[in-house]
């Protein structure tokens, strides 16, 4: 029997693990397009291939995530069903995340083949780490008040990790370039450092946590019964649909660095843009548990989404010429994004508890595989839309940037998110309040 770590050590380890994981994910999602276009020499035609590869990866994800969730739920070991996947996924995630920033020299076809293989394998590895991580939060912290607090800390420090990676990665890449100018080799070395450190921290979720539920003596549940319980969970599917429709929330993160180059001819300006949204996310994540004590899930989700849509629309009207005004507006969208991520996760964790009470089946793996799939889908749709716009306006490194190009990209990071947030409200309006209020507990 493994020794039970203290509750404080478990909380600290889970939050630290999420911090490391978010550093790696942020590095990949924020700087991959910039690395491909600015340093790996991918042309505008190649960029279309990149977006197609990412789209194909998401189709593959449609099968990969539920398969991984099922595999987790069917696992029985002395370590539990979730922790083993955290242990064995850390190295593959670190390796393939770094490989995406280490494209070989040679023809563009070779680079695209290398990228395609690494991207699919990265997708598989990241699913293997992400699904059990979020399921572990629900399994290790069964009291809803404590769980909501842990989730808020994970999201808040995830936002801080996002900030450190977003703001620090360009400087780290320049430092590791060992020259006056940032190079592709500098970005490759920065990716290796971030991935090794980040996934090393992630391993703490294996070593210093324990699953409360004893799965070793629990009889295996058939796949038919397991999936029947999953598909009966209407509140879960409403949360997932609302999240997918709100994919525009991620466009600033996906394309902000490239936008800074196009609009201001200075990728370093993205540190200011990124800092504004990250500050908003971190503050809102810390405040979310207190808000959930006052306002239930449904109205909080609806109000924050409507507010985000309004802020994006106003940001478009104000324009991008005044960087500091835009930063203030982005800070406001960061507040709404922080609230969204906390409430979204607590809703799904509560939905798992509800189904366990109704059916006796606890399907952490399948339920949280849907969360990880939706999170990756939101990010990929953001990259897909932004990449398609770049290809459509004919942007590539060295091209003369017109005012029309700048306006098209600015519309993409303002009007698209505004419409997306507005549409995402619809599923949440149908969220059953009686079940959705389960997360409104004393924190």
Protein backbone atom coordinates (compact mmCIF):
# COMPACT_ATOMS: atom_id res chain seq x y z
CA UNK A 1 0.00 0.00 0.00
CA UNK A 2 1.38 3.38 -1.02
CA UNK A 3 1.82 6.01 1.66
CA UNK A 4 -0.86 8.69 1.50
CA UNK A 5 0.62 12.17 0.84
CA UNK A 6 -0.77 15.07 2.82
CA UNK A 7 -3.68 16.96 1.25
CA UNK A 8 -1.48 20.05 1.00
CA UNK A 9 1.25 18.16 -0.85
CA UNK A 10 -1.33 16.69 -3.23
CA UNK A 11 -2.79 20.12 -3.99
CA UNK A 12 0.67 21.65 -4.49
CA UNK A 13 1.76 18.78 -6.75
CA UNK A 14 -1.34 18.88 -8.94
CA UNK A 15 -1.07 22.65 -9.38
CA UNK A 16 2.68 22.43 -10.13
CA UNK A 17 2.07 19.64 -12.64
CA UNK A 18 -0.54 21.76 -14.41
CA UNK A 19 1.89 24.67 -14.41
CA UNK A 20 4.53 22.61 -16.20
CA UNK A 21 2.08 21.10 -18.63
CA UNK A 22 0.72 24.54 -19.52
CA UNK A 23 4.22 25.87 -20.22
CA UNK A 24 4.69 23.16 -22.84
CA UNK A 25 1.24 23.52 -24.38
CA UNK A 26 1.54 27.32 -24.49
CA UNK A 27 4.91 27.13 -26.20
CA UNK A 28 3.50 24.88 -28.91
CA UNK A 29 0.16 26.59 -29.45
CA UNK A 30 1.50 30.17 -29.31
CA UNK A 31 4.74 29.98 -31.27
CA UNK A 32 4.36 27.08 -33.68
CA UNK A 33 2.92 29.11 -36.56
CA UNK A 34 5.50 31.83 -36.04
CA UNK A 35 8.35 29.29 -36.03
CA UNK A 36 7.07 27.64 -39.20
CA UNK A 37 6.60 30.87 -41.14
CA UNK A 38 9.46 33.00 -39.79
CA UNK A 39 12.24 30.49 -39.10
CA UNK A 40 11.51 27.13 -40.76
CA UNK A 41 10.94 28.69 -44.18
CA UNK A 42 7.41 27.36 -44.77
CA UNK A 43 5.83 29.17 -47.73
CA UNK A 44 2.23 30.34 -48.04
CA UNK A 45 1.48 27.17 -50.03
CA UNK A 46 3.14 25.11 -47.31
CA UNK A 47 1.06 26.94 -44.71
CA UNK A 48 -2.06 25.55 -46.37
CA UNK A 49 -0.58 22.08 -45.98
CA UNK A 50 0.17 22.80 -42.31
CA UNK A 51 -3.42 23.83 -41.63
CA UNK A 52 -4.64 20.71 -43.47
CA UNK A 53 -2.38 18.53 -41.30
CA UNK A 54 -3.76 20.17 -38.17
CA UNK A 55 -7.32 19.68 -39.38
CA UNK A 56 -6.59 16.02 -40.12
CA UNK A 57 -5.11 15.73 -36.65
CA UNK A 58 -8.37 16.92 -35.14
CA UNK A 59 -10.33 14.36 -37.16
CA UNK A 60 -7.97 11.74 -35.75
CA UNK A 61 -8.58 13.23 -32.30
CA UNK A 62 -12.27 12.50 -32.67
CA UNK A 63 -11.29 8.83 -32.35
CA UNK A 64 -8.16 9.17 -30.25
CA UNK A 65 -9.66 11.00 -27.25
CA UNK A 66 -12.58 8.64 -26.52
CA UNK A 67 -10.29 5.65 -27.10
CA UNK A 68 -7.85 7.06 -24.55
CA UNK A 69 -10.70 7.84 -22.15
CA UNK A 70 -11.99 4.29 -22.47
CA UNK A 71 -8.51 2.86 -21.97
CA UNK A 72 -8.15 4.92 -18.79
CA UNK A 73 -11.51 3.78 -17.43
CA UNK A 74 -10.69 0.14 -18.15
CA UNK A 75 -7.27 0.33 -16.45
CA UNK A 76 -6.78 -1.32 -13.05
CA UNK A 77 -3.37 -1.07 -11.33
CA UNK A 78 -2.00 -0.70 -7.81
CA UNK A 79 -1.38 2.96 -8.72
CA UNK A 80 -4.98 3.49 -9.77
CA UNK A 81 -6.33 3.99 -13.27
CA UNK A 82 -5.15 7.56 -13.93
CA UNK A 83 -1.66 7.96 -12.45
CA UNK A 84 0.10 5.34 -14.63
CA UNK A 85 -0.71 7.32 -17.77
CA UNK A 86 0.75 10.46 -16.23
CA UNK A 87 3.99 8.59 -15.51
CA UNK A 88 4.43 7.09 -18.96
CA UNK A 89 3.26 10.05 -21.07
CA UNK A 90 5.66 12.74 -19.83
CA UNK A 91 8.66 11.72 -21.95
CA UNK A 92 6.76 11.33 -25.26
CA UNK A 93 5.07 14.71 -24.79
CA UNK A 94 8.41 16.41 -24.11
CA UNK A 95 10.06 14.72 -27.11
CA UNK A 96 7.42 15.39 -29.76
CA UNK A 97 6.65 18.91 -28.53
CA UNK A 98 10.31 19.81 -28.98
CA UNK A 99 10.48 17.97 -32.33
CA UNK A 100 7.82 20.30 -33.78
CA UNK A 101 10.39 23.10 -33.42
CA UNK A 102 13.24 21.08 -34.89
CA UNK A 103 12.28 20.74 -38.54
CA UNK A 104 15.14 19.34 -40.63
CA UNK A 105 16.88 21.32 -43.34
CA UNK A 106 16.05 20.31 -46.88
CA UNK A 107 13.06 20.55 -49.18
CA UNK A 108 9.74 21.92 -48.03
CA UNK A 109 8.16 18.52 -48.74
CA UNK A 110 10.58 16.90 -46.25
CA UNK A 111 9.78 19.55 -43.65
CA UNK A 112 6.04 19.04 -44.10
CA UNK A 113 6.31 15.25 -43.83
CA UNK A 114 8.40 15.58 -40.69
CA UNK A 115 5.95 18.09 -39.24
CA UNK A 116 2.94 15.92 -40.08
CA UNK A 117 4.32 12.79 -38.42
CA UNK A 118 5.48 14.67 -35.33
CA UNK A 119 2.20 16.58 -35.01
CA UNK A 120 0.08 13.41 -35.05
CA UNK A 121 2.36 11.66 -32.55
CA UNK A 122 2.40 14.80 -30.37
CA UNK A 123 -1.39 14.79 -30.45
CA UNK A 124 -1.52 11.17 -29.26
CA UNK A 125 1.06 11.74 -26.52
CA UNK A 126 -0.60 14.91 -25.26
CA UNK A 127 -3.96 13.17 -25.04
CA UNK A 128 -2.29 10.42 -23.02
CA UNK A 129 -1.16 12.98 -20.43
CA UNK A 130 -4.08 15.42 -20.46
CA UNK A 131 -7.06 13.07 -20.09
CA UNK A 132 -5.82 11.37 -16.89
CA UNK A 133 -4.54 14.66 -15.45
CA UNK A 134 -7.96 16.29 -15.41
CA UNK A 135 -9.59 13.05 -14.34
CA UNK A 136 -7.12 12.84 -11.44
CA UNK A 137 -8.34 16.17 -10.07
CA UNK A 138 -11.84 14.73 -9.79
CA UNK A 139 -10.58 11.41 -8.40
CA UNK A 140 -8.14 12.85 -5.84
CA UNK A 141 -10.38 15.68 -4.57
CA UNK A 142 -13.89 14.34 -4.09
CA UNK A 143 -15.34 17.22 -2.04
CA UNK A 144 -16.74 19.72 -4.52
CA UNK A 145 -15.64 22.79 -2.58
CA UNK A 146 -12.04 21.60 -2.35
CA UNK A 147 -12.12 20.45 -5.98
CA UNK A 148 -13.38 23.82 -7.21
CA UNK A 149 -10.57 25.53 -5.33
CA UNK A 150 -7.95 23.17 -6.79
CA UNK A 151 -9.32 23.69 -10.30
CA UNK A 152 -9.22 27.45 -9.83
CA UNK A 153 -5.58 27.25 -8.70
CA UNK A 154 -4.70 24.97 -11.62
CA UNK A 155 -6.31 27.42 -14.05
CA UNK A 156 -4.79 30.47 -12.37
CA UNK A 157 -1.26 29.09 -12.28
CA UNK A 158 -1.84 27.70 -15.75
CA UNK A 159 -2.45 31.28 -16.84
CA UNK A 160 0.75 32.33 -15.08
CA UNK A 161 2.61 29.54 -16.89
CA UNK A 162 1.04 30.75 -20.10
CA UNK A 163 2.35 34.20 -19.28
CA UNK A 164 5.86 33.06 -18.51
CA UNK A 165 6.03 30.95 -21.66
CA UNK A 166 4.46 33.64 -23.82
CA UNK A 167 6.55 36.50 -22.51
CA UNK A 168 9.74 34.60 -21.83
CA UNK A 169 10.04 32.25 -24.81
CA UNK A 170 11.11 34.92 -27.35
CA UNK A 171 13.84 36.10 -24.96
CA UNK A 172 14.93 32.54 -24.23
CA UNK A 173 15.08 31.78 -27.96
CA UNK A 174 17.19 34.88 -28.54
CA UNK A 175 19.50 34.01 -25.65
CA UNK A 176 20.00 30.49 -26.99
CA UNK A 177 20.62 31.80 -30.50
CA UNK A 178 24.01 33.09 -29.28
CA UNK A 179 23.87 35.98 -31.75
CA UNK A 180 22.40 39.45 -32.06
CA UNK A 181 19.39 38.04 -33.94
CA UNK A 182 16.99 35.25 -32.97
CA UNK A 183 17.51 32.14 -35.07
CA UNK A 184 15.62 28.95 -35.79
CA UNK A 185 18.22 27.03 -33.79
CA UNK A 186 17.51 29.33 -30.84
CA UNK A 187 13.83 28.42 -31.02
CA UNK A 188 14.70 24.72 -31.24
CA UNK A 189 16.89 24.91 -28.13
CA UNK A 190 14.25 26.95 -26.28
CA UNK A 191 11.64 24.30 -27.09
CA UNK A 192 13.89 21.56 -25.69
CA UNK A 193 14.49 23.47 -22.44
CA UNK A 194 10.80 24.30 -21.91
CA UNK A 195 9.66 20.75 -22.67
CA UNK A 196 12.16 19.05 -20.36
CA UNK A 197 11.45 21.39 -17.45
CA UNK A 198 7.68 21.49 -18.00
CA UNK A 199 7.11 17.75 -18.24
CA UNK A 200 9.52 17.14 -15.36
CA UNK A 201 7.19 19.24 -13.22
CA UNK A 202 4.23 17.33 -14.63
CA UNK A 203 5.54 14.08 -13.12
CA UNK A 204 4.78 15.41 -9.62
CA UNK A 205 1.12 14.57 -10.32
CA UNK A 206 2.15 10.91 -10.36
CA UNK A 207 4.51 10.83 -7.40
CA UNK A 208 2.59 12.99 -4.91
CA UNK A 209 -1.11 12.21 -5.46
CA UNK A 210 -3.44 9.31 -4.73
CA UNK A 211 -6.81 8.39 -6.21
CA UNK A 212 -9.52 8.24 -3.53
CA UNK A 213 -11.55 5.58 -5.29
CA UNK A 214 -10.32 1.97 -4.95
CA UNK A 215 -10.52 0.65 -8.50
CA UNK A 216 -8.54 -2.53 -7.85
CA UNK A 217 -11.54 -4.35 -6.33
CA UNK A 218 -14.11 -2.77 -8.65
CA UNK A 219 -15.57 -5.10 -11.33
CA UNK A 220 -14.99 -4.21 -14.95
CA UNK A 221 -17.88 -2.42 -16.66
CA UNK A 222 -18.72 -3.30 -20.25
CA UNK A 223 -18.03 -0.73 -22.96
CA UNK A 224 -21.70 -0.66 -23.85
CA UNK A 225 -22.70 0.24 -20.29
CA UNK A 226 -19.87 2.75 -19.96
CA UNK A 227 -20.74 4.63 -23.14
CA UNK A 228 -24.47 4.47 -22.39
CA UNK A 229 -23.84 6.36 -19.15
CA UNK A 230 -21.67 8.87 -21.01
CA UNK A 231 -24.22 9.62 -23.75
CA UNK A 232 -27.02 10.05 -21.21
CA UNK A 233 -25.21 13.00 -19.65
CA UNK A 234 -27.06 15.91 -21.28
CA UNK A 235 -25.49 18.67 -19.12
CA UNK A 236 -22.03 17.46 -20.14
CA UNK A 237 -22.85 17.68 -23.83
CA UNK A 238 -24.30 21.17 -23.50
CA UNK A 239 -21.06 22.33 -21.87
CA UNK A 240 -19.01 20.70 -24.63
CA UNK A 241 -21.10 22.23 -27.42
CA UNK A 242 -20.96 25.69 -25.88
CA UNK A 243 -17.20 25.36 -25.55
CA UNK A 244 -16.69 24.35 -29.19
CA UNK A 245 -18.80 27.23 -30.47
CA UNK A 246 -16.68 29.57 -28.36
CA UNK A 247 -13.40 28.56 -30.07
CA UNK A 248 -12.80 32.19 -31.08
CA UNK A 249 -11.64 32.90 -27.53
CA UNK A 250 -8.34 31.23 -28.49
CA UNK A 251 -7.57 33.17 -31.68
CA UNK A 252 -5.54 35.92 -29.98
CA UNK A 253 -3.29 33.29 -28.40
CA UNK A 254 -2.96 31.34 -31.66
CA UNK A 255 -2.20 34.32 -33.88
CA UNK A 256 -1.14 37.13 -31.58
CA UNK A 257 2.60 36.78 -32.23
CA UNK A 258 2.10 36.82 -36.01
CA UNK A 259 -0.32 39.75 -35.69
CA UNK A 260 2.34 41.72 -33.78
CA UNK A 261 4.76 41.17 -36.67
CA UNK A 262 2.18 42.14 -39.30
CA UNK A 263 0.68 45.15 -37.53
CA UNK A 264 3.73 46.54 -35.70
CA UNK A 265 6.67 44.79 -37.40
CA UNK A 266 7.81 43.69 -33.95
CA UNK A 267 7.08 40.23 -32.56
CA UNK A 268 8.24 41.47 -29.15
CA UNK A 269 5.04 43.52 -28.88
CA UNK A 270 3.20 40.26 -28.36
CA UNK A 271 4.71 40.19 -24.88
CA UNK A 272 2.52 43.21 -24.06
CA UNK A 273 -0.56 41.77 -25.75
CA UNK A 274 -0.02 38.36 -24.16
CA UNK A 275 0.68 39.88 -20.77
CA UNK A 276 -2.67 41.69 -20.77
CA UNK A 277 -4.77 38.60 -21.48
CA UNK A 278 -2.75 36.44 -19.09
CA UNK A 279 -3.14 38.91 -16.23
CA UNK A 280 -6.90 38.90 -16.78
CA UNK A 281 -7.03 35.10 -16.85
CA UNK A 282 -4.98 34.69 -13.68
CA UNK A 283 -7.02 37.23 -11.70
CA UNK A 284 -10.34 35.77 -12.85
CA UNK A 285 -9.22 32.20 -12.08
CA UNK A 286 -8.44 33.14 -8.47
CA UNK A 287 -11.78 34.97 -8.17
CA UNK A 288 -13.93 32.28 -9.81
CA UNK A 289 -14.60 30.17 -6.67
CA UNK A 290 -15.88 33.26 -4.84
CA UNK A 291 -18.10 34.12 -7.80
CA UNK A 292 -19.50 30.58 -7.84
CA UNK A 293 -20.59 31.07 -4.23
CA UNK A 294 -22.68 34.05 -5.32
CA UNK A 295 -23.77 33.07 -8.85
CA UNK A 296 -24.53 29.61 -10.19
CA UNK A 297 -22.78 28.10 -13.19
CA UNK A 298 -25.30 28.87 -15.89
CA UNK A 299 -25.74 32.65 -15.45
CA UNK A 300 -22.01 33.09 -14.80
CA UNK A 301 -21.19 31.30 -18.05
CA UNK A 302 -23.78 33.25 -20.04
CA UNK A 303 -22.89 36.67 -18.62
CA UNK A 304 -19.14 36.20 -19.11
CA UNK A 305 -19.63 35.04 -22.71
CA UNK A 306 -21.87 37.98 -23.61
CA UNK A 307 -19.44 40.38 -21.99
CA UNK A 308 -16.56 38.86 -23.95
CA UNK A 309 -18.48 39.28 -27.23
CA UNK A 310 -19.13 42.94 -26.44
CA UNK A 311 -15.49 43.60 -25.53
CA UNK A 312 -14.19 42.06 -28.76
CA UNK A 313 -16.65 44.13 -30.81
CA UNK A 314 -15.62 47.34 -29.06
CA UNK A 315 -11.96 46.43 -29.52
CA UNK A 316 -12.50 46.20 -33.27
CA UNK A 317 -14.17 49.62 -33.32
CA UNK A 318 -11.30 51.18 -31.36
CA UNK A 319 -8.70 49.76 -33.76
CA UNK A 320 -5.14 48.54 -33.19
CA UNK A 321 -3.26 51.82 -33.69
CA UNK A 322 -3.16 52.53 -29.95
CA UNK A 323 -1.47 49.45 -28.51
CA UNK A 324 -2.22 50.32 -24.90
CA UNK A 325 -5.96 50.78 -25.49
CA UNK A 326 -6.03 47.39 -27.17
CA UNK A 327 -4.15 45.88 -24.23
CA UNK A 328 -6.84 47.16 -21.87
CA UNK A 329 -9.57 45.54 -23.95
CA UNK A 330 -7.64 42.28 -24.16
CA UNK A 331 -7.25 42.32 -20.37
CA UNK A 332 -11.05 42.36 -20.11
CA UNK A 333 -11.37 39.39 -22.47
CA UNK A 334 -8.79 37.60 -20.30
CA UNK A 335 -11.06 38.05 -17.29
CA UNK A 336 -13.93 36.35 -19.10
CA UNK A 337 -11.66 33.58 -20.40
CA UNK A 338 -10.40 32.82 -16.88
CA UNK A 339 -13.95 32.51 -15.58
CA UNK A 340 -14.91 30.33 -18.52
CA UNK A 341 -12.11 27.80 -18.02
CA UNK A 342 -12.78 27.33 -14.30
CA UNK A 343 -16.56 27.04 -14.61
CA UNK A 344 -16.25 24.72 -17.62
CA UNK A 345 -14.03 22.28 -15.70
CA UNK A 346 -16.07 22.32 -12.48
CA UNK A 347 -19.23 21.65 -14.51
CA UNK A 348 -17.69 18.58 -16.14
CA UNK A 349 -16.32 17.25 -12.83
CA UNK A 350 -19.76 17.68 -11.27
CA UNK A 351 -21.36 15.92 -14.23
CA UNK A 352 -19.11 12.90 -13.54
CA UNK A 353 -20.26 12.87 -9.90
CA UNK A 354 -23.90 13.11 -10.98
CA UNK A 355 -23.61 10.12 -13.31
CA UNK A 356 -21.86 8.08 -10.61
CA UNK A 357 -24.73 8.79 -8.23
CA UNK A 358 -27.32 7.87 -10.87
CA UNK A 359 -25.68 4.83 -12.45
CA UNK A 360 -22.92 3.71 -10.07
CA UNK A 361 -20.39 4.18 -12.91
CA UNK A 362 -17.57 6.68 -12.58
CA UNK A 363 -16.25 7.42 -16.07
CA UNK A 364 -13.53 10.02 -15.35
CA UNK A 365 -11.56 8.94 -18.42
CA UNK A 366 -14.30 9.25 -21.02
CA UNK A 367 -15.77 12.44 -19.51
CA UNK A 368 -12.44 14.25 -19.31
CA UNK A 369 -11.35 12.92 -22.68
CA UNK A 370 -14.25 14.97 -24.02
CA UNK A 371 -12.88 18.05 -22.20
CA UNK A 372 -9.38 17.56 -23.59
CA UNK A 373 -10.76 16.92 -27.06
CA UNK A 374 -12.84 20.08 -26.93
CA UNK A 375 -9.93 22.14 -25.57
CA UNK A 376 -7.64 20.96 -28.35
CA UNK A 377 -10.40 21.39 -30.92
CA UNK A 378 -10.94 24.99 -29.82
CA UNK A 379 -7.23 25.70 -30.16
CA UNK A 380 -6.97 23.95 -33.51
CA UNK A 381 -10.02 25.72 -34.93
CA UNK A 382 -8.44 29.01 -33.86
CA UNK A 383 -5.17 28.09 -35.61
CA UNK A 384 -7.07 26.81 -38.65
CA UNK A 385 -9.09 30.01 -39.05
CA UNK A 386 -6.09 32.27 -38.46
CA UNK A 387 -3.87 30.21 -40.76
CA UNK A 388 -6.50 30.23 -43.50
CA UNK A 389 -6.73 34.02 -43.26
CA UNK A 390 -2.93 34.35 -43.53
CA UNK A 391 -2.91 32.11 -46.59
CA UNK A 392 -5.91 33.94 -48.06
CA UNK A 393 -4.25 37.37 -47.84
CA UNK A 394 -0.99 35.96 -49.23
CA UNK A 395 1.14 36.60 -46.18
CA UNK A 396 4.56 35.00 -45.79
CA UNK A 397 7.91 36.15 -44.44
CA UNK A 398 9.37 39.01 -46.47
CA UNK A 399 6.16 39.97 -48.26
CA UNK A 400 5.17 43.64 -48.34
CA UNK A 401 2.43 44.11 -45.74
CA UNK A 402 -0.45 46.31 -46.89
CA UNK A 403 -3.05 48.08 -44.76
CA UNK A 404 -5.61 45.64 -46.15
CA UNK A 405 -3.60 42.73 -44.77
CA UNK A 406 -3.41 44.38 -41.35
CA UNK A 407 -7.16 45.06 -41.31
CA UNK A 408 -7.99 41.47 -42.34
CA UNK A 409 -5.85 40.02 -39.55
CA UNK A 410 -7.26 42.46 -36.98
CA UNK A 411 -10.82 41.51 -37.93
CA UNK A 412 -9.84 37.88 -37.42
CA UNK A 413 -8.70 38.45 -33.81
CA UNK A 414 -11.68 40.67 -32.90
CA UNK A 415 -14.86 40.08 -34.93
CA UNK A 416 -14.45 36.30 -35.19
CA UNK A 417 -14.08 35.91 -31.40
CA UNK A 418 -17.01 38.31 -30.86
CA UNK A 419 -19.31 36.21 -33.05
CA UNK A 420 -17.98 32.98 -31.57
CA UNK A 421 -18.59 34.04 -27.96
CA UNK A 422 -22.07 35.27 -28.82
CA UNK A 423 -23.09 32.01 -30.50
CA UNK A 424 -21.61 29.93 -27.68
CA UNK A 425 -24.21 31.34 -25.28
CA UNK A 426 -27.04 29.37 -26.93
CA UNK A 427 -26.22 25.87 -25.54
CA UNK A 428 -25.65 27.28 -22.07
CA UNK A 429 -29.12 28.84 -22.11
CA UNK A 430 -30.51 25.30 -22.26
CA UNK A 431 -28.29 24.03 -19.47
CA UNK A 432 -30.54 22.47 -16.78
CA UNK A 433 -30.17 24.78 -13.79
CA UNK A 434 -31.08 22.18 -11.20
CA UNK A 435 -28.18 19.92 -12.23
CA UNK A 436 -25.86 22.74 -13.21
CA UNK A 437 -25.91 24.22 -9.72
CA UNK A 438 -24.07 21.27 -8.26
CA UNK A 439 -20.78 23.15 -8.28
CA UNK A 440 -22.17 26.01 -6.24
CA UNK A 441 -20.82 24.92 -2.90
CA UNK A 442 -18.95 26.59 -0.11
CA UNK A 443 -15.34 27.04 -1.15
